[in-house]
């Protein structure tokens, strides 16, 4: 999802919104200081993951933020549903995990 996050950041930039992208490649150990630093820099956090959000990256980041730097967070990922087969790009689009959908969700979160 890093490539999609970078594409989303470019789309946000064209809408006048500056975004930082951080690649969190492991949940354990998780880089608590880097998450806190990004939260301090941006004031909001959006996580993106291409699997169910339950027990995933967003929850781990929320734990760090709750303990060290309470920050508004938007967790974007798969809803609690059964997996499906198909072409990856089509599935990402269907579940709102392409750059276009993530950009729209992020803008809505910022304007909330």
N, C-alpha and C. Protein backbone atom coordinates (compact mmCIF):
# COMPACT_ATOMS: atom_id res chain seq x y z
N UNK A 1 0.81 -1.20 0.00
CA UNK A 1 0.00 0.00 0.00
C UNK A 1 0.86 1.27 0.00
N UNK A 2 2.17 1.10 0.11
CA UNK A 2 3.03 2.30 0.13
C UNK A 2 2.90 3.07 -1.17
N UNK A 3 2.91 2.36 -2.30
CA UNK A 3 2.79 3.04 -3.58
C UNK A 3 1.46 3.80 -3.66
N UNK A 4 0.38 3.17 -3.21
CA UNK A 4 -0.93 3.82 -3.20
C UNK A 4 -0.92 5.03 -2.27
N UNK A 5 -0.25 4.91 -1.14
CA UNK A 5 -0.16 6.04 -0.21
C UNK A 5 0.60 7.20 -0.83
N UNK A 6 1.67 6.89 -1.56
CA UNK A 6 2.42 7.96 -2.24
C UNK A 6 1.58 8.62 -3.32
N UNK A 7 0.83 7.81 -4.07
CA UNK A 7 -0.06 8.37 -5.09
C UNK A 7 -1.14 9.23 -4.44
N UNK A 8 -1.67 8.77 -3.32
CA UNK A 8 -2.67 9.54 -2.58
C UNK A 8 -2.08 10.86 -2.11
N UNK A 9 -0.85 10.84 -1.61
CA UNK A 9 -0.20 12.07 -1.15
C UNK A 9 -0.07 13.08 -2.29
N UNK A 10 0.25 12.59 -3.49
CA UNK A 10 0.32 13.49 -4.66
C UNK A 10 -1.04 14.08 -4.97
N UNK A 11 -2.08 13.27 -4.90
CA UNK A 11 -3.43 13.76 -5.16
C UNK A 11 -3.85 14.79 -4.10
N UNK A 12 -3.50 14.52 -2.85
CA UNK A 12 -3.82 15.48 -1.79
C UNK A 12 -3.08 16.79 -2.02
N UNK A 13 -1.82 16.69 -2.42
CA UNK A 13 -1.02 17.89 -2.69
C UNK A 13 -1.67 18.75 -3.76
N UNK A 14 -2.24 18.11 -4.79
CA UNK A 14 -2.91 18.87 -5.85
C UNK A 14 -4.19 19.52 -5.34
N UNK A 15 -4.66 19.09 -4.16
CA UNK A 15 -5.82 19.71 -3.52
C UNK A 15 -5.39 20.66 -2.40
N UNK A 16 -4.10 20.98 -2.35
CA UNK A 16 -3.60 21.92 -1.36
C UNK A 16 -3.39 21.32 0.02
N UNK A 17 -3.32 20.00 0.11
CA UNK A 17 -3.14 19.33 1.40
C UNK A 17 -1.79 18.64 1.41
N UNK A 18 -0.96 19.00 2.37
CA UNK A 18 0.35 18.39 2.50
C UNK A 18 0.23 17.12 3.34
N UNK A 19 0.86 16.04 2.90
CA UNK A 19 0.78 14.76 3.61
C UNK A 19 2.16 14.13 3.71
N UNK A 20 2.39 13.45 4.81
CA UNK A 20 3.61 12.67 4.99
C UNK A 20 3.23 11.20 4.85
N UNK A 21 4.12 10.41 4.28
CA UNK A 21 3.88 8.97 4.13
C UNK A 21 4.96 8.23 4.91
N UNK A 22 4.50 7.29 5.74
CA UNK A 22 5.41 6.48 6.54
C UNK A 22 5.13 5.01 6.24
N UNK A 23 6.16 4.26 5.94
CA UNK A 23 6.02 2.83 5.69
C UNK A 23 6.24 2.07 7.00
N UNK A 24 5.15 1.56 7.57
CA UNK A 24 5.26 0.74 8.77
C UNK A 24 5.18 -0.71 8.30
N UNK A 25 6.31 -1.34 8.18
CA UNK A 25 6.36 -2.68 7.60
C UNK A 25 6.24 -3.79 8.63
N UNK A 26 6.28 -3.45 9.92
CA UNK A 26 6.07 -4.46 10.96
C UNK A 26 5.20 -3.86 12.06
N UNK A 27 4.33 -4.69 12.64
CA UNK A 27 3.53 -4.24 13.77
C UNK A 27 4.26 -4.48 15.09
N UNK A 28 5.17 -5.46 15.07
CA UNK A 28 5.93 -5.75 16.26
C UNK A 28 7.35 -6.09 15.85
N UNK A 29 8.32 -5.28 16.17
CA UNK A 29 8.15 -4.06 16.94
C UNK A 29 7.60 -2.93 16.06
N UNK A 30 6.84 -2.05 16.66
CA UNK A 30 6.32 -0.89 15.93
C UNK A 30 7.14 0.33 16.35
N UNK A 31 7.39 1.20 15.42
CA UNK A 31 8.23 2.38 15.68
C UNK A 31 7.39 3.48 16.33
N UNK A 32 7.26 3.40 17.64
CA UNK A 32 6.41 4.33 18.39
C UNK A 32 6.86 5.78 18.20
N UNK A 33 8.16 6.02 18.28
CA UNK A 33 8.64 7.40 18.17
C UNK A 33 8.34 8.00 16.80
N UNK A 34 8.50 7.22 15.75
CA UNK A 34 8.20 7.72 14.41
C UNK A 34 6.72 8.07 14.27
N UNK A 35 5.85 7.25 14.85
CA UNK A 35 4.41 7.52 14.80
C UNK A 35 4.09 8.80 15.56
N UNK A 36 4.67 8.96 16.74
CA UNK A 36 4.45 10.18 17.53
C UNK A 36 5.00 11.40 16.78
N UNK A 37 6.15 11.25 16.16
CA UNK A 37 6.73 12.37 15.39
C UNK A 37 5.81 12.78 14.25
N UNK A 38 5.27 11.81 13.51
CA UNK A 38 4.36 12.13 12.40
C UNK A 38 3.09 12.79 12.95
N UNK A 39 2.58 12.30 14.07
CA UNK A 39 1.39 12.90 14.68
C UNK A 39 1.66 14.34 15.09
N UNK A 40 2.83 14.59 15.65
CA UNK A 40 3.19 15.96 16.03
C UNK A 40 3.29 16.86 14.80
N UNK A 41 3.81 16.32 13.72
CA UNK A 41 4.00 17.09 12.48
C UNK A 41 2.68 17.38 11.78
N UNK A 42 1.78 16.41 11.76
CA UNK A 42 0.58 16.53 10.92
C UNK A 42 -0.70 16.84 11.69
N UNK A 43 -0.79 16.39 12.93
CA UNK A 43 -2.01 16.63 13.72
C UNK A 43 -3.14 15.66 13.43
N UNK A 44 -2.98 14.81 12.43
CA UNK A 44 -3.96 13.78 12.07
C UNK A 44 -3.20 12.60 11.47
N UNK A 45 -3.80 11.42 11.61
CA UNK A 45 -3.18 10.22 11.06
C UNK A 45 -4.23 9.46 10.26
N UNK A 46 -3.83 8.98 9.08
CA UNK A 46 -4.64 8.08 8.27
C UNK A 46 -3.80 6.83 8.05
N UNK A 47 -4.36 5.67 8.41
CA UNK A 47 -3.67 4.42 8.12
C UNK A 47 -4.40 3.71 6.98
N UNK A 48 -3.62 3.00 6.17
CA UNK A 48 -4.16 2.27 5.02
C UNK A 48 -3.63 0.85 5.08
N UNK A 49 -4.52 -0.13 4.98
CA UNK A 49 -4.09 -1.52 4.96
C UNK A 49 -5.01 -2.32 4.05
N UNK A 50 -4.43 -3.28 3.34
CA UNK A 50 -5.21 -4.05 2.37
C UNK A 50 -5.66 -5.39 2.93
N UNK A 51 -6.12 -5.35 4.15
CA UNK A 51 -6.71 -6.52 4.79
C UNK A 51 -7.69 -6.01 5.83
N UNK A 52 -8.33 -6.91 6.58
CA UNK A 52 -9.31 -6.47 7.56
C UNK A 52 -8.65 -5.57 8.60
N UNK A 53 -9.37 -4.53 8.97
CA UNK A 53 -8.80 -3.56 9.90
C UNK A 53 -8.76 -4.08 11.34
N UNK A 54 -9.57 -5.09 11.64
CA UNK A 54 -9.58 -5.64 12.99
C UNK A 54 -8.23 -6.27 13.31
N UNK A 55 -7.59 -5.76 14.36
CA UNK A 55 -6.30 -6.30 14.78
C UNK A 55 -5.15 -5.96 13.87
N UNK A 56 -5.30 -4.91 13.08
CA UNK A 56 -4.28 -4.57 12.10
C UNK A 56 -3.46 -3.34 12.44
N UNK A 57 -2.93 -2.75 11.39
CA UNK A 57 -2.07 -1.57 11.52
C UNK A 57 -2.77 -0.41 12.21
N UNK A 58 -3.98 -0.11 11.78
CA UNK A 58 -4.70 1.03 12.37
C UNK A 58 -4.86 0.91 13.87
N UNK A 59 -5.21 -0.30 14.33
CA UNK A 59 -5.36 -0.52 15.76
C UNK A 59 -4.05 -0.36 16.50
N UNK A 60 -2.97 -0.86 15.92
CA UNK A 60 -1.65 -0.74 16.55
C UNK A 60 -1.23 0.73 16.64
N UNK A 61 -1.48 1.49 15.57
CA UNK A 61 -1.14 2.92 15.57
C UNK A 61 -2.02 3.66 16.58
N UNK A 62 -3.30 3.30 16.65
CA UNK A 62 -4.21 3.94 17.60
C UNK A 62 -3.75 3.70 19.04
N UNK A 63 -3.25 2.50 19.31
CA UNK A 63 -2.72 2.22 20.65
C UNK A 63 -1.55 3.13 20.99
N UNK A 64 -0.65 3.28 20.05
CA UNK A 64 0.51 4.16 20.28
C UNK A 64 0.05 5.59 20.51
N UNK A 65 -0.85 6.07 19.66
CA UNK A 65 -1.33 7.44 19.80
C UNK A 65 -2.09 7.65 21.10
N UNK A 66 -2.93 6.68 21.47
CA UNK A 66 -3.69 6.80 22.71
C UNK A 66 -2.80 6.91 23.94
N UNK A 67 -1.69 6.21 23.91
CA UNK A 67 -0.78 6.21 25.05
C UNK A 67 0.18 7.39 25.05
N UNK A 68 0.63 7.81 23.86
CA UNK A 68 1.72 8.78 23.80
C UNK A 68 1.36 10.14 23.21
N UNK A 69 0.34 10.21 22.37
CA UNK A 69 0.02 11.49 21.71
C UNK A 69 -1.37 11.39 21.10
N UNK A 70 -2.44 11.56 21.93
CA UNK A 70 -3.80 11.46 21.37
C UNK A 70 -3.95 12.33 20.13
N UNK A 71 -4.40 11.71 19.05
CA UNK A 71 -4.47 12.34 17.73
C UNK A 71 -5.67 11.77 16.98
N UNK A 72 -6.42 12.60 16.25
CA UNK A 72 -7.49 12.04 15.41
C UNK A 72 -6.90 11.06 14.40
N UNK A 73 -7.58 9.93 14.22
CA UNK A 73 -7.08 8.88 13.31
C UNK A 73 -8.22 8.35 12.46
N UNK A 74 -7.91 8.10 11.20
CA UNK A 74 -8.85 7.46 10.25
C UNK A 74 -8.17 6.17 9.81
N UNK A 75 -8.88 5.05 10.02
CA UNK A 75 -8.34 3.74 9.65
C UNK A 75 -9.06 3.27 8.39
N UNK A 76 -8.31 3.11 7.32
CA UNK A 76 -8.87 2.67 6.04
C UNK A 76 -8.35 1.26 5.75
N UNK A 77 -9.29 0.36 5.50
CA UNK A 77 -8.92 -1.02 5.19
C UNK A 77 -10.17 -1.81 4.86
N UNK A 78 -10.02 -3.11 4.86
CA UNK A 78 -11.13 -3.99 4.53
C UNK A 78 -12.13 -4.03 5.68
N UNK A 79 -13.42 -3.98 5.35
CA UNK A 79 -14.43 -4.16 6.40
C UNK A 79 -14.43 -5.63 6.84
N UNK A 80 -15.14 -5.91 7.90
CA UNK A 80 -15.23 -7.27 8.40
C UNK A 80 -16.16 -8.08 7.50
N UNK A 81 -15.60 -8.67 6.47
CA UNK A 81 -16.38 -9.45 5.51
C UNK A 81 -15.51 -10.56 4.94
N UNK A 82 -16.14 -11.49 4.26
CA UNK A 82 -15.40 -12.58 3.64
C UNK A 82 -14.58 -12.05 2.46
N UNK A 83 -13.43 -12.65 2.24
CA UNK A 83 -12.59 -12.29 1.11
C UNK A 83 -13.23 -12.71 -0.20
N UNK A 84 -12.77 -12.12 -1.26
CA UNK A 84 -13.27 -12.42 -2.59
C UNK A 84 -12.09 -12.64 -3.53
N UNK A 85 -12.36 -13.30 -4.62
CA UNK A 85 -11.34 -13.50 -5.65
C UNK A 85 -11.59 -12.52 -6.78
N UNK A 86 -10.53 -12.12 -7.43
CA UNK A 86 -10.64 -11.22 -8.57
C UNK A 86 -9.31 -10.58 -8.86
N UNK A 87 -9.31 -9.70 -9.85
CA UNK A 87 -8.10 -8.98 -10.20
C UNK A 87 -7.80 -7.98 -9.07
N UNK A 88 -6.54 -7.89 -8.65
CA UNK A 88 -6.21 -7.02 -7.53
C UNK A 88 -6.72 -5.58 -7.67
N UNK A 89 -6.52 -4.97 -8.83
CA UNK A 89 -6.95 -3.58 -9.00
C UNK A 89 -8.46 -3.44 -8.86
N UNK A 90 -9.20 -4.42 -9.37
CA UNK A 90 -10.67 -4.38 -9.26
C UNK A 90 -11.11 -4.53 -7.80
N UNK A 91 -10.45 -5.41 -7.06
CA UNK A 91 -10.81 -5.60 -5.65
C UNK A 91 -10.46 -4.37 -4.81
N UNK A 92 -9.30 -3.79 -5.08
CA UNK A 92 -8.93 -2.58 -4.36
C UNK A 92 -9.94 -1.47 -4.61
N UNK A 93 -10.37 -1.34 -5.85
CA UNK A 93 -11.38 -0.33 -6.18
C UNK A 93 -12.70 -0.63 -5.48
N UNK A 94 -13.14 -1.88 -5.54
CA UNK A 94 -14.42 -2.27 -4.94
C UNK A 94 -14.46 -1.94 -3.45
N UNK A 95 -13.36 -2.18 -2.75
CA UNK A 95 -13.33 -1.96 -1.32
C UNK A 95 -12.80 -0.59 -0.91
N UNK A 96 -12.67 0.32 -1.88
CA UNK A 96 -12.27 1.68 -1.57
C UNK A 96 -10.83 1.80 -1.13
N UNK A 97 -9.96 0.96 -1.70
CA UNK A 97 -8.56 0.97 -1.32
C UNK A 97 -7.64 1.41 -2.45
N UNK A 98 -8.19 2.10 -3.44
CA UNK A 98 -7.36 2.69 -4.49
C UNK A 98 -7.10 4.15 -4.13
N UNK A 99 -6.17 4.77 -4.82
CA UNK A 99 -5.77 6.13 -4.47
C UNK A 99 -6.94 7.11 -4.56
N UNK A 100 -7.80 6.94 -5.54
CA UNK A 100 -8.94 7.85 -5.69
C UNK A 100 -9.85 7.79 -4.46
N UNK A 101 -10.20 6.60 -4.02
CA UNK A 101 -11.08 6.45 -2.87
C UNK A 101 -10.41 6.89 -1.58
N UNK A 102 -9.13 6.55 -1.42
CA UNK A 102 -8.41 6.93 -0.21
C UNK A 102 -8.27 8.44 -0.14
N UNK A 103 -8.03 9.08 -1.27
CA UNK A 103 -7.96 10.55 -1.30
C UNK A 103 -9.29 11.15 -0.85
N UNK A 104 -10.40 10.66 -1.38
CA UNK A 104 -11.72 11.17 -1.00
C UNK A 104 -11.99 10.97 0.49
N UNK A 105 -11.66 9.79 1.00
CA UNK A 105 -11.87 9.51 2.43
C UNK A 105 -11.00 10.40 3.29
N UNK A 106 -9.77 10.65 2.86
CA UNK A 106 -8.87 11.50 3.63
C UNK A 106 -9.34 12.94 3.64
N UNK A 107 -9.78 13.44 2.51
CA UNK A 107 -10.30 14.82 2.45
C UNK A 107 -11.52 14.95 3.35
N UNK A 108 -12.42 13.97 3.31
CA UNK A 108 -13.60 14.00 4.18
C UNK A 108 -13.20 13.99 5.64
N UNK A 109 -12.19 13.20 5.99
CA UNK A 109 -11.70 13.14 7.37
C UNK A 109 -11.11 14.49 7.79
N UNK A 110 -10.35 15.10 6.94
CA UNK A 110 -9.74 16.39 7.25
C UNK A 110 -10.81 17.47 7.43
N UNK A 111 -11.84 17.43 6.60
CA UNK A 111 -12.89 18.45 6.66
C UNK A 111 -13.93 18.20 7.75
N UNK A 112 -13.81 17.10 8.45
CA UNK A 112 -14.77 16.74 9.48
C UNK A 112 -14.68 17.65 10.68
